[in-house]
C-alpha atoms as a PDB file:
ATOM      1  CA  LEU A   1    -160.716  12.236  30.792  1.00  0.00           C
ATOM      2  CA  ASP A   2    -158.622   9.268  32.043  1.00  0.00           C
ATOM      3  CA  VAL A   3    -158.451  10.221  35.462  1.00  0.00           C
ATOM      4  CA  HIS A   4    -155.203   8.275  35.842  1.00  0.00           C
ATOM      5  CA  ILE A   5    -153.574  10.504  33.600  1.00  0.00           C
ATOM      6  CA  ALA A   6    -155.230  13.408  34.565  1.00  0.00           C
ATOM      7  CA  THR A   7    -154.166  13.279  38.268  1.00  0.00           C
ATOM      8  CA  PRO A   8    -150.876  14.673  39.303  1.00  0.00           C
ATOM      9  CA  VAL A   9    -148.160  12.547  40.361  1.00  0.00           C
ATOM     10  CA  LYS A  10    -147.681  14.033  43.786  1.00  0.00           C
ATOM     11  CA  ILE A  11    -151.390  13.851  44.786  1.00  0.00           C
ATOM     12  CA  LEU A  12    -151.322  10.523  43.796  1.00  0.00           C
ATOM     13  CA  HIS A  13    -148.551   9.269  45.935  1.00  0.00           C
ATOM     14  CA  THR A  14    -149.034  11.206  49.083  1.00  0.00           C
ATOM     15  CA  PHE A  15    -152.606  10.854  49.369  1.00  0.00           C
ATOM     16  CA  LEU A  16    -154.252   8.443  47.348  1.00  0.00           C
ATOM     17  CA  LEU A  17    -151.802   5.570  47.423  1.00  0.00           C
ATOM     18  CA  GLY A  18    -150.543   6.649  51.133  1.00  0.00           C
ATOM     19  CA  ILE A  19    -154.174   5.448  52.099  1.00  0.00           C
ATOM     20  CA  VAL A  20    -153.983   2.205  50.656  1.00  0.00           C
ATOM     21  CA  LYS A  21    -150.974   1.682  51.667  1.00  0.00           C
ATOM     22  CA  TYR A  22    -151.924   2.165  55.128  1.00  0.00           C
ATOM     23  CA  LEU A  23    -155.012   0.029  54.957  1.00  0.00           C
ATOM     24  CA  TRP A  24    -152.782  -2.578  53.306  1.00  0.00           C
ATOM     25  CA  ASP A  25    -150.511  -2.573  56.637  1.00  0.00           C
ATOM     26  CA  ARG A  26    -153.508  -3.004  58.807  1.00  0.00           C
ATOM     27  CA  PRO A  27    -154.984  -6.536  57.938  1.00  0.00           C
ATOM     28  CA  THR A  28    -151.455  -8.169  57.132  1.00  0.00           C
ATOM     29  CA  HIS A  29    -150.341  -7.557  60.662  1.00  0.00           C
ATOM     30  CA  PRO A  30    -153.020  -9.041  62.867  1.00  0.00           C
ATOM     31  CA  LEU A  31    -153.841 -12.457  60.791  1.00  0.00           C
ATOM     32  CA  ASP A  32    -152.341 -15.497  61.917  1.00  0.00           C
ATOM     33  CA  THR A  33    -150.429 -17.746  59.715  1.00  0.00           C
ATOM     34  CA  GLY A  34    -153.897 -19.226  58.385  1.00  0.00           C
ATOM     35  CA  GLY A  35    -155.234 -16.343  57.308  1.00  0.00           C
ATOM     36  CA  VAL A  36    -152.144 -14.748  55.882  1.00  0.00           C
ATOM     37  CA  ALA A  37    -152.087 -18.094  53.864  1.00  0.00           C
ATOM     38  CA  LEU A  38    -156.341 -17.713  53.270  1.00  0.00           C
ATOM     39  CA  LEU A  39    -155.399 -14.184  51.920  1.00  0.00           C
ATOM     40  CA  GLU A  40    -152.587 -15.423  49.260  1.00  0.00           C
ATOM     41  CA  MET A  41    -154.784 -17.823  48.426  1.00  0.00           C
ATOM     42  CA  ARG A  42    -157.587 -15.424  47.373  1.00  0.00           C
ATOM     43  CA  LEU A  43    -155.091 -13.288  45.471  1.00  0.00           C
ATOM     44  CA  ALA A  44    -153.948 -15.855  43.704  1.00  0.00           C
ATOM     45  CA  SER A  45    -157.193 -17.078  42.672  1.00  0.00           C
ATOM     46  CA  LEU A  46    -158.696 -13.892  41.356  1.00  0.00           C
ATOM     47  CA  HIS A  47    -158.943 -13.357  37.248  1.00  0.00           C
ATOM     48  CA  GLU A  48    -157.204 -10.369  36.091  1.00  0.00           C
ATOM     49  CA  SER A  49    -157.998 -10.062  32.500  1.00  0.00           C
ATOM     50  CA  GLY A  50    -161.115  -7.473  33.105  1.00  0.00           C
ATOM     51  CA  TRP A  51    -158.962  -5.401  34.998  1.00  0.00           C
ATOM     52  CA  ASN A  52    -156.206  -4.279  32.951  1.00  0.00           C
ATOM     53  CA  VAL A  53    -153.823  -5.023  35.469  1.00  0.00           C
ATOM     54  CA  PRO A  54    -150.786  -7.318  35.106  1.00  0.00           C
ATOM     55  CA  LYS A  55    -150.623 -10.581  36.641  1.00  0.00           C
ATOM     56  CA  ILE A  56    -150.840 -10.621  40.408  1.00  0.00           C
ATOM     57  CA  ASN A  57    -147.460 -12.068  42.057  1.00  0.00           C
ATOM     58  CA  THR A  58    -148.733 -13.302  45.387  1.00  0.00           C
ATOM     59  CA  THR A  59    -146.003 -14.615  46.823  1.00  0.00           C
ATOM     60  CA  TYR A  60    -144.011 -11.522  46.527  1.00  0.00           C
ATOM     61  CA  MET A  61    -146.840  -9.314  47.358  1.00  0.00           C
ATOM     62  CA  ILE A  62    -147.327 -11.416  50.437  1.00  0.00           C
ATOM     63  CA  GLN A  63    -143.792 -11.802  51.377  1.00  0.00           C
ATOM     64  CA  TYR A  64    -142.551  -8.314  50.738  1.00  0.00           C
ATOM     65  CA  CYS A  65    -145.799  -6.282  51.901  1.00  0.00           C
ATOM     66  CA  GLN A  66    -144.097  -3.510  53.239  1.00  0.00           C
ATOM     67  CA  GLN A  67    -141.843  -2.791  50.455  1.00  0.00           C
ATOM     68  CA  LEU A  68    -144.876  -2.565  47.515  1.00  0.00           C
ATOM     69  CA  LEU A  69    -144.963  -0.237  44.602  1.00  0.00           C
ATOM     70  CA  GLY A  70    -147.794   1.796  43.398  1.00  0.00           C
ATOM     71  CA  LYS A  71    -148.584  -0.515  40.688  1.00  0.00           C
ATOM     72  CA  HIS A  72    -149.720  -2.965  43.804  1.00  0.00           C
ATOM     73  CA  PHE A  73    -151.104  -0.607  45.230  1.00  0.00           C
ATOM     74  CA  LYS A  74    -153.617   0.019  42.728  1.00  0.00           C
ATOM     75  CA  THR A  75    -154.162  -3.433  42.293  1.00  0.00           C
ATOM     76  CA  LEU A  76    -154.970  -3.931  46.241  1.00  0.00           C
ATOM     77  CA  ALA A  77    -157.473  -1.050  45.843  1.00  0.00           C
ATOM     78  CA  GLN A  78    -159.196  -2.711  43.328  1.00  0.00           C
ATOM     79  CA  CYS A  79    -159.646  -5.992  44.584  1.00  0.00           C
ATOM     80  CA  MET A  80    -159.055  -6.143  48.364  1.00  0.00           C
ATOM     81  CA  PRO A  81    -163.058  -5.459  49.590  1.00  0.00           C
ATOM     82  CA  PHE A  82    -163.697  -8.616  47.602  1.00  0.00           C
ATOM     83  CA  ILE A  83    -160.647 -11.225  49.297  1.00  0.00           C
ATOM     84  CA  ILE A  84    -161.167  -9.816  53.049  1.00  0.00           C
ATOM     85  CA  GLU A  85    -164.702  -9.731  53.709  1.00  0.00           C
ATOM     86  CA  ASP A  86    -164.660 -12.325  55.960  1.00  0.00           C
ATOM     87  CA  ILE A  87    -161.213 -12.148  57.663  1.00  0.00           C
ATOM     88  CA  VAL A  88    -161.114  -8.359  58.785  1.00  0.00           C
ATOM     89  CA  THR A  89    -163.417  -6.245  60.835  1.00  0.00           C
ATOM     90  CA  TRP A  90    -166.632  -4.573  59.346  1.00  0.00           C
ATOM     91  CA  GLN A  91    -164.605  -1.023  60.094  1.00  0.00           C
ATOM     92  CA  MET A  92    -161.662  -2.530  58.055  1.00  0.00           C
ATOM     93  CA  LEU A  93    -163.913  -3.525  55.526  1.00  0.00           C
ATOM     94  CA  GLU A  94    -165.864  -0.181  55.392  1.00  0.00           C
ATOM     95  CA  ALA A  95    -162.587   1.858  55.096  1.00  0.00           C
ATOM     96  CA  TRP A  96    -161.521  -0.297  51.752  1.00  0.00           C
ATOM     97  CA  VAL A  97    -164.837   0.042  50.538  1.00  0.00           C
END
């Protein structure tokens, strides 16, 4: 069973990706310029070969953080717990995990 194919589109976009979209919005706002640069650097340093995701365009994802698509949120859902662990509160980290 492939959950990516079996999950109905409406559930995927309104619930599953909606949570990721909300969580993505939270850590990007309170960060100062240095925090955003650190987040961008960590996203850029990830090696995507083991995830089955396309190359991460970090500049686009940071610059247009309010206009991302489902494919971006899918990537973020997989990598955010690893890249934000020491730049957000433990409650935010728990939400991502």
